[in-house]
Amino acid sequence: MSRITISAPPVSRAVSEAHHLVVRAFASFVLDLKERLDALSAEEYARIEAEAVKDDLSDEHKVPTNLIPFSTYARCEWQAFKKMEAIRRLQVENPHRSGAGRWGGQELAQFRQKRKRGTVFNYFVRLHLDEFLEKHPELERIDWERSCVLTFKSKNSRVVGFTSTIDFVLLFRDGVEIGFEIKDKGRSLEFGGKSWIWVHDYLTLKYYTLFFDEVFVLNVRPSNRHFSRLVLSDEKREALLQKLADVVERFDEESYLKPALHYCDYCDLGRARKCPIKALRDRYGTKKLSEVVKAGKLIFEFVHHLEEQPELVERLVEVEAVEEVALEEIALGG
């Protein structure tokens, strides 16, 4: 696959139990920091929050015009499926929140507040990384907010690849690099409401496996605490790369998916002015069910090509649920 350029080539260094001990210790360290942050006074928390927001403003949501934010692509792909499913099976007259394809002010404010909480906690962890490094000389350093860029040779160069930022990377002195994501979320509505992880987060973790020896994710919310490792085989990595190459090719060639064409207040992809769902909503509107179905049908065909593979409609949820087993739960401590 010579048309692929990846910022950190796929690796296959051996990860040992010694590495896992350090990762588990880091997870416990992060949970301890969560308790310390929650115990701060209102004044102390406000100070940390102000520092975190100021630090985050310098580069928040800046996405090159020819790259797709991967987490938003994964999220939109799933939302397109769920909304089309609702239209077809449940005959929902208004499947889009707040009516005209826009998120309402209250929903938008809640989203921004949730994002801020995550920003504050990650910043708080960064402030205390030296404490952990002093106890673990096996580590050379711990990076934070590392960009993971995957690009392909495209025909028109309008869209060439994906970008995403992982929370932390543990770099060992022997060369092993382990990605570490922190989540603070309740149980998802997908997988029949039985999964601790949301689909778009799961797909983003799969993306990160292209860049690191292993990837771990820790959900710090007490009601949904979970610590897992995600490892893809070489065969699954190759299949994922091929799928992403096909997605980029479609984005690059479809005339109605022009970057810098539409803008949405809600998501990274919209802020980068290249959201296909927003473009189709604007084109067809959401006032009449027939118009929504028409827009949803185009989205559905574009993302999944399900009209050519109708059996996939019934199997998609089942396949993803089975694939989730690849997330191996890890016991904390040690």
Protein backbone atom coordinates (compact mmCIF):
# COMPACT_ATOMS: atom_id res chain seq x y z
CA MET A 1 0.00 0.00 0.00
CA SER A 2 2.50 2.56 -1.19
CA ARG A 3 -0.04 5.38 -1.21
CA ILE A 4 -0.05 5.48 2.62
CA THR A 5 2.02 7.95 4.60
CA ILE A 6 1.79 7.62 8.36
CA SER A 7 3.44 9.94 10.87
CA ALA A 8 4.62 6.96 12.95
CA PRO A 9 4.90 3.72 10.95
CA PRO A 10 3.16 0.60 12.30
CA VAL A 11 5.40 -1.14 14.78
CA SER A 12 5.70 -4.62 16.22
CA ARG A 13 8.03 -4.26 19.18
CA ALA A 14 7.43 -6.84 21.88
CA VAL A 15 5.44 -5.50 24.82
CA SER A 16 6.20 -7.41 28.01
CA GLU A 17 4.52 -7.80 31.38
CA ALA A 18 7.05 -5.28 32.73
CA HIS A 19 5.61 -2.67 30.37
CA HIS A 20 2.08 -3.59 31.44
CA LEU A 21 3.00 -3.14 35.10
CA VAL A 22 4.03 0.44 34.38
CA VAL A 23 0.85 1.10 32.40
CA ARG A 24 -1.33 -0.28 35.20
CA ALA A 25 0.56 1.87 37.67
CA PHE A 26 -0.08 4.90 35.48
CA ALA A 27 -3.80 4.08 35.37
CA SER A 28 -3.89 3.90 39.17
CA PHE A 29 -1.97 7.18 39.31
CA VAL A 30 -4.56 8.82 37.03
CA LEU A 31 -7.43 7.57 39.22
CA ASP A 32 -5.69 8.99 42.29
CA LEU A 33 -5.35 12.34 40.52
CA LYS A 34 -9.08 12.25 39.73
CA GLU A 35 -9.83 11.98 43.45
CA ARG A 36 -7.36 14.77 44.21
CA LEU A 37 -8.96 17.03 41.60
CA ASP A 38 -12.47 16.32 42.90
CA ALA A 39 -11.30 17.18 46.43
CA LEU A 40 -10.05 20.66 45.49
CA SER A 41 -11.86 23.69 46.82
CA ALA A 42 -13.98 25.73 44.41
CA GLU A 43 -11.29 28.43 44.31
CA GLU A 44 -8.48 25.98 43.57
CA TYR A 45 -10.52 24.25 40.88
CA ALA A 46 -11.39 27.58 39.24
CA ARG A 47 -7.69 28.45 39.08
CA ILE A 48 -6.80 25.12 37.45
CA GLU A 49 -9.73 25.46 35.06
CA ALA A 50 -8.64 28.94 33.96
CA GLU A 51 -5.09 27.70 33.32
CA ALA A 52 -6.35 24.66 31.38
CA VAL A 53 -8.71 26.66 29.18
CA LYS A 54 -6.02 29.24 28.44
CA ASP A 55 -3.57 26.47 27.53
CA ASP A 56 -6.15 24.78 25.30
CA LEU A 57 -7.23 27.86 23.37
CA SER A 58 -3.98 28.19 21.44
CA ASP A 59 -4.56 25.16 19.20
CA GLU A 60 -8.11 23.94 19.85
CA HIS A 61 -9.92 22.66 16.76
CA LYS A 62 -7.28 23.80 14.29
CA VAL A 63 -7.50 21.18 11.56
CA PRO A 64 -5.66 21.37 8.20
CA THR A 65 -8.18 21.84 5.41
CA ASN A 66 -7.30 18.57 3.71
CA LEU A 67 -7.46 16.35 6.82
CA ILE A 68 -10.51 14.82 8.50
CA PRO A 69 -10.64 14.74 12.34
CA PHE A 70 -10.93 11.00 12.89
CA SER A 71 -13.05 11.02 16.04
CA THR A 72 -15.65 13.15 14.30
CA TYR A 73 -15.62 10.94 11.22
CA ALA A 74 -16.22 7.91 13.44
CA ARG A 75 -18.97 9.67 15.36
CA CYS A 76 -20.74 10.93 12.25
CA GLU A 77 -20.55 7.55 10.58
CA TRP A 78 -22.40 5.95 13.46
CA GLN A 79 -24.93 8.78 13.80
CA ALA A 80 -25.76 8.51 10.11
CA PHE A 81 -26.52 4.82 10.56
CA LYS A 82 -28.63 5.31 13.69
CA LYS A 83 -30.64 8.18 12.23
CA MET A 84 -31.36 6.34 9.02
CA GLU A 85 -32.35 3.27 11.03
CA ALA A 86 -34.75 5.40 13.06
CA ILE A 87 -36.31 6.89 9.93
CA ARG A 88 -36.82 3.53 8.26
CA ARG A 89 -37.92 1.42 11.21
CA LEU A 90 -39.49 3.84 13.66
CA GLN A 91 -40.75 6.52 11.26
CA VAL A 92 -39.36 9.27 13.43
CA GLU A 93 -40.62 12.51 11.93
CA ASN A 94 -37.80 14.66 13.28
CA PRO A 95 -34.65 12.58 13.84
CA HIS A 96 -32.36 15.60 14.10
CA ARG A 97 -31.97 17.39 17.39
CA SER A 98 -33.47 20.85 17.68
CA GLY A 99 -35.31 20.58 14.39
CA ALA A 100 -33.31 22.12 11.57
CA GLY A 101 -30.21 19.98 11.76
CA ARG A 102 -28.63 22.14 14.48
CA TRP A 103 -27.95 21.45 18.11
CA GLY A 104 -29.93 23.69 20.46
CA GLY A 105 -28.23 26.23 22.69
CA GLN A 106 -28.75 24.14 25.83
CA GLU A 107 -27.32 21.00 24.21
CA LEU A 108 -24.36 22.94 22.82
CA ALA A 109 -23.64 24.47 26.24
CA GLN A 110 -23.73 21.03 27.87
CA PHE A 111 -21.32 19.66 25.27
CA ARG A 112 -18.88 22.52 25.80
CA GLN A 113 -19.05 22.07 29.58
CA LYS A 114 -18.32 18.34 29.24
CA ARG A 115 -15.40 19.10 26.94
CA LYS A 116 -14.06 21.61 29.44
CA ARG A 117 -14.17 19.03 32.26
CA GLY A 118 -12.05 16.66 30.18
CA THR A 119 -9.63 19.43 29.28
CA VAL A 120 -9.22 20.41 32.94
CA PHE A 121 -8.54 16.86 34.09
CA ASN A 122 -6.01 16.10 31.35
CA TYR A 123 -4.25 19.36 32.17
CA PHE A 124 -4.23 18.39 35.86
CA VAL A 125 -2.61 15.06 34.96
CA ARG A 126 0.03 16.88 32.91
CA LEU A 127 0.91 19.04 35.92
CA HIS A 128 1.80 15.93 37.93
CA LEU A 129 3.59 13.77 35.36
CA ASP A 130 6.97 14.39 36.98
CA GLU A 131 5.72 12.66 40.13
CA PHE A 132 5.11 9.49 38.15
CA LEU A 133 8.31 9.70 36.11
CA GLU A 134 10.43 9.94 39.26
CA LYS A 135 9.10 6.55 40.38
CA HIS A 136 9.50 4.84 37.01
CA PRO A 137 12.99 5.18 35.51
CA GLU A 138 11.97 2.71 32.77
CA LEU A 139 10.21 5.63 31.10
CA GLU A 140 12.11 8.13 29.00
CA ARG A 141 9.19 10.58 29.07
CA ILE A 142 5.42 10.91 28.75
CA ASP A 143 4.05 12.94 25.83
CA TRP A 144 0.61 14.52 25.84
CA GLU A 145 -1.77 15.53 23.06
CA ARG A 146 0.33 13.89 20.36
CA SER A 147 -1.08 14.30 16.85
CA CYS A 148 -1.60 11.07 14.90
CA VAL A 149 -1.72 11.89 11.19
CA LEU A 150 -2.46 9.32 8.50
CA THR A 151 -2.37 10.46 4.87
CA PHE A 152 -2.87 8.82 1.48
CA LYS A 153 -1.92 9.80 -2.05
CA SER A 154 -5.17 11.22 -3.41
CA LYS A 155 -6.18 12.20 -6.91
CA ASN A 156 -7.32 15.76 -6.24
CA SER A 157 -5.58 16.40 -2.89
CA ARG A 158 -8.74 18.04 -1.57
CA VAL A 159 -8.89 15.48 1.23
CA VAL A 160 -5.77 13.40 1.87
CA GLY A 161 -6.24 11.73 5.24
CA PHE A 162 -7.12 11.79 8.92
CA THR A 163 -5.84 13.42 12.07
CA SER A 164 -6.51 12.78 15.73
CA THR A 165 -4.83 13.60 19.04
CA ILE A 166 -4.23 10.97 21.70
CA ASP A 167 -4.20 12.06 25.34
CA PHE A 168 -0.89 10.56 26.49
CA VAL A 169 1.97 8.43 25.16
CA LEU A 170 4.27 6.46 27.45
CA LEU A 171 7.74 6.24 25.88
CA PHE A 172 9.95 3.54 27.36
CA ARG A 173 13.73 3.64 27.19
CA ASP A 174 13.75 0.42 25.15
CA GLY A 175 11.73 2.11 22.38
CA VAL A 176 8.25 0.79 23.18
CA GLU A 177 5.50 3.41 22.81
CA ILE A 178 2.11 2.89 24.41
CA GLY A 179 -0.89 5.15 23.77
CA PHE A 180 -3.13 6.03 26.70
CA GLU A 181 -6.62 7.55 26.43
CA ILE A 182 -8.67 8.90 29.35
CA LYS A 183 -12.48 8.91 29.21
CA ASP A 184 -15.07 10.18 31.68
CA LYS A 185 -18.35 8.86 30.31
CA GLY A 186 -21.39 6.86 31.35
CA ARG A 187 -22.52 3.66 29.66
CA SER A 188 -23.23 4.00 25.97
CA LEU A 189 -26.57 3.75 24.22
CA GLU A 190 -25.06 1.48 21.59
CA PHE A 191 -24.61 -2.29 21.83
CA GLY A 192 -28.05 -2.53 23.43
CA GLY A 193 -27.02 -0.22 26.25
CA LYS A 194 -24.68 -2.87 27.63
CA SER A 195 -21.33 -1.44 26.59
CA TRP A 196 -19.07 0.71 28.75
CA ILE A 197 -17.52 2.32 25.66
CA TRP A 198 -19.12 4.48 22.97
CA VAL A 199 -18.76 3.36 19.37
CA HIS A 200 -16.98 6.48 18.11
CA ASP A 201 -14.46 6.16 20.96
CA TYR A 202 -13.93 2.50 20.14
CA LEU A 203 -13.32 3.26 16.46
CA THR A 204 -10.89 6.04 17.38
CA LEU A 205 -8.96 3.61 19.59
CA LYS A 206 -8.69 1.29 16.58
CA TYR A 207 -7.22 4.21 14.65
CA TYR A 208 -4.60 4.77 17.36
CA THR A 209 -3.42 1.15 17.07
CA LEU A 210 -1.86 2.18 13.74
CA PHE A 211 0.60 4.40 15.60
CA PHE A 212 1.59 2.60 18.81
CA ASP A 213 2.74 -0.79 20.04
CA GLU A 214 -0.40 -1.01 22.19
CA VAL A 215 -3.26 1.27 23.17
CA PHE A 216 -4.97 1.46 26.57
CA VAL A 217 -8.12 3.32 27.60
CA LEU A 218 -9.23 4.22 31.12
CA ASN A 219 -12.73 5.42 31.95
CA VAL A 220 -12.44 7.32 35.24
CA ARG A 221 -16.15 7.75 35.95
CA PRO A 222 -16.95 5.80 39.15
CA SER A 223 -20.24 4.44 37.80
CA ASN A 224 -18.58 3.17 34.63
CA ARG A 225 -14.95 2.55 35.59
CA HIS A 226 -13.12 0.40 33.10
CA PHE A 227 -9.52 -0.19 32.01
CA SER A 228 -8.81 -2.00 28.76
CA ARG A 229 -6.19 -2.73 26.15
CA LEU A 230 -6.83 -2.74 22.40
CA VAL A 231 -4.53 -4.70 20.11
CA LEU A 232 -5.14 -5.33 16.41
CA SER A 233 -3.50 -8.12 14.45
CA ASP A 234 -1.44 -7.22 11.38
CA GLU A 235 -4.30 -8.49 9.22
CA LYS A 236 -6.84 -6.23 10.93
CA ARG A 237 -4.49 -3.27 10.75
CA GLU A 238 -4.11 -3.78 7.02
CA ALA A 239 -7.89 -4.04 6.60
CA LEU A 240 -8.38 -0.83 8.59
CA LEU A 241 -5.83 1.01 6.47
CA GLN A 242 -7.57 -0.14 3.29
CA LYS A 243 -10.96 0.97 4.59
CA LEU A 244 -9.61 4.41 5.51
CA ALA A 245 -7.94 4.73 2.12
CA ASP A 246 -11.31 4.07 0.48
CA VAL A 247 -13.00 6.66 2.69
CA VAL A 248 -10.43 9.29 1.78
CA GLU A 249 -10.84 8.48 -1.90
CA ARG A 250 -14.61 9.01 -1.67
CA PHE A 251 -14.21 12.28 0.22
CA ASP A 252 -11.62 13.41 -2.31
CA GLU A 253 -13.75 12.64 -5.38
CA GLU A 254 -17.33 13.52 -4.38
CA SER A 255 -18.10 17.01 -5.65
CA TYR A 256 -20.66 17.81 -2.93
CA LEU A 257 -18.14 17.12 -0.15
CA LYS A 258 -16.09 20.23 -0.75
CA PRO A 259 -13.97 21.39 2.20
CA ALA A 260 -14.66 24.93 3.42
CA LEU A 261 -18.21 24.76 2.05
CA HIS A 262 -20.37 24.53 5.18
CA TYR A 263 -20.00 25.40 8.83
CA CYS A 264 -21.50 23.87 11.97
CA ASP A 265 -21.14 25.13 15.55
CA TYR A 266 -21.13 21.68 17.07
CA CYS A 267 -18.32 19.45 15.86
CA ASP A 268 -14.69 19.55 14.79
CA LEU A 269 -15.57 18.47 11.26
CA GLY A 270 -18.09 21.28 10.97
CA ARG A 271 -15.64 23.80 12.35
CA ALA A 272 -13.21 22.64 9.68
CA ARG A 273 -15.98 23.45 7.14
CA LYS A 274 -16.14 19.99 5.58
CA CYS A 275 -19.06 18.11 7.11
CA PRO A 276 -20.98 16.01 4.55
CA ILE A 277 -23.94 15.49 6.88
CA LYS A 278 -24.30 19.22 7.47
CA ALA A 279 -24.05 19.84 3.74
CA LEU A 280 -26.86 17.40 2.99
CA ARG A 281 -29.03 18.75 5.81
CA ASP A 282 -28.63 22.23 4.39
CA ARG A 283 -29.54 20.98 0.94
CA TYR A 284 -32.70 19.09 1.87
CA GLY A 285 -33.82 20.50 5.23
CA THR A 286 -35.66 18.54 7.92
CA LYS A 287 -39.23 19.84 7.83
CA LYS A 288 -40.75 16.95 5.89
CA LEU A 289 -40.11 13.28 6.45
CA SER A 290 -39.68 12.64 2.72
CA GLU A 291 -36.92 15.25 2.55
CA VAL A 292 -35.19 13.84 5.61
CA VAL A 293 -35.33 10.33 4.15
CA LYS A 294 -33.85 11.64 0.91
CA ALA A 295 -30.97 13.32 2.75
CA GLY A 296 -30.47 10.36 5.08
CA LYS A 297 -30.45 7.95 2.15
CA LEU A 298 -27.59 9.84 0.51
CA ILE A 299 -25.64 9.95 3.77
CA PHE A 300 -26.27 6.27 4.31
CA GLU A 301 -25.16 5.28 0.82
CA PHE A 302 -22.08 7.46 1.03
CA VAL A 303 -20.81 6.20 4.36
CA HIS A 304 -21.76 2.53 4.27
CA HIS A 305 -22.76 1.64 0.69
CA LEU A 306 -25.54 -0.38 2.25
CA GLU A 307 -27.75 -0.22 -0.81
CA GLU A 308 -25.21 -2.50 -2.48
CA GLN A 309 -24.92 -4.73 0.61
CA PRO A 310 -28.39 -4.82 2.25
CA GLU A 311 -27.47 -7.74 4.49
CA LEU A 312 -25.05 -5.41 6.26
CA VAL A 313 -27.95 -3.36 7.65
CA GLU A 314 -28.97 -6.17 10.01
CA ARG A 315 -25.42 -7.31 10.71
CA LEU A 316 -23.65 -4.00 11.39
CA VAL A 317 -24.53 -3.71 15.07
CA GLU A 318 -23.85 -7.40 15.63
CA VAL A 319 -20.44 -7.21 13.93
CA GLU A 320 -19.35 -4.19 15.95
CA ALA A 321 -20.54 -5.83 19.16
CA VAL A 322 -18.47 -8.92 18.42
CA GLU A 323 -15.48 -6.82 17.47
CA GLU A 324 -15.68 -5.02 20.80
CA VAL A 325 -14.43 -8.21 22.44
CA ALA A 326 -10.99 -7.15 21.13
CA LEU A 327 -10.99 -4.69 24.03
CA GLU A 328 -9.36 -6.74 26.75
CA GLU A 329 -10.18 -5.64 30.28
CA ILE A 330 -7.10 -5.20 32.49
CA ALA A 331 -7.12 -5.38 36.28
CA LEU A 332 -5.78 -2.30 38.03
CA GLY A 333 -2.97 -2.40 40.55
CA GLY A 334 0.41 -4.05 40.52
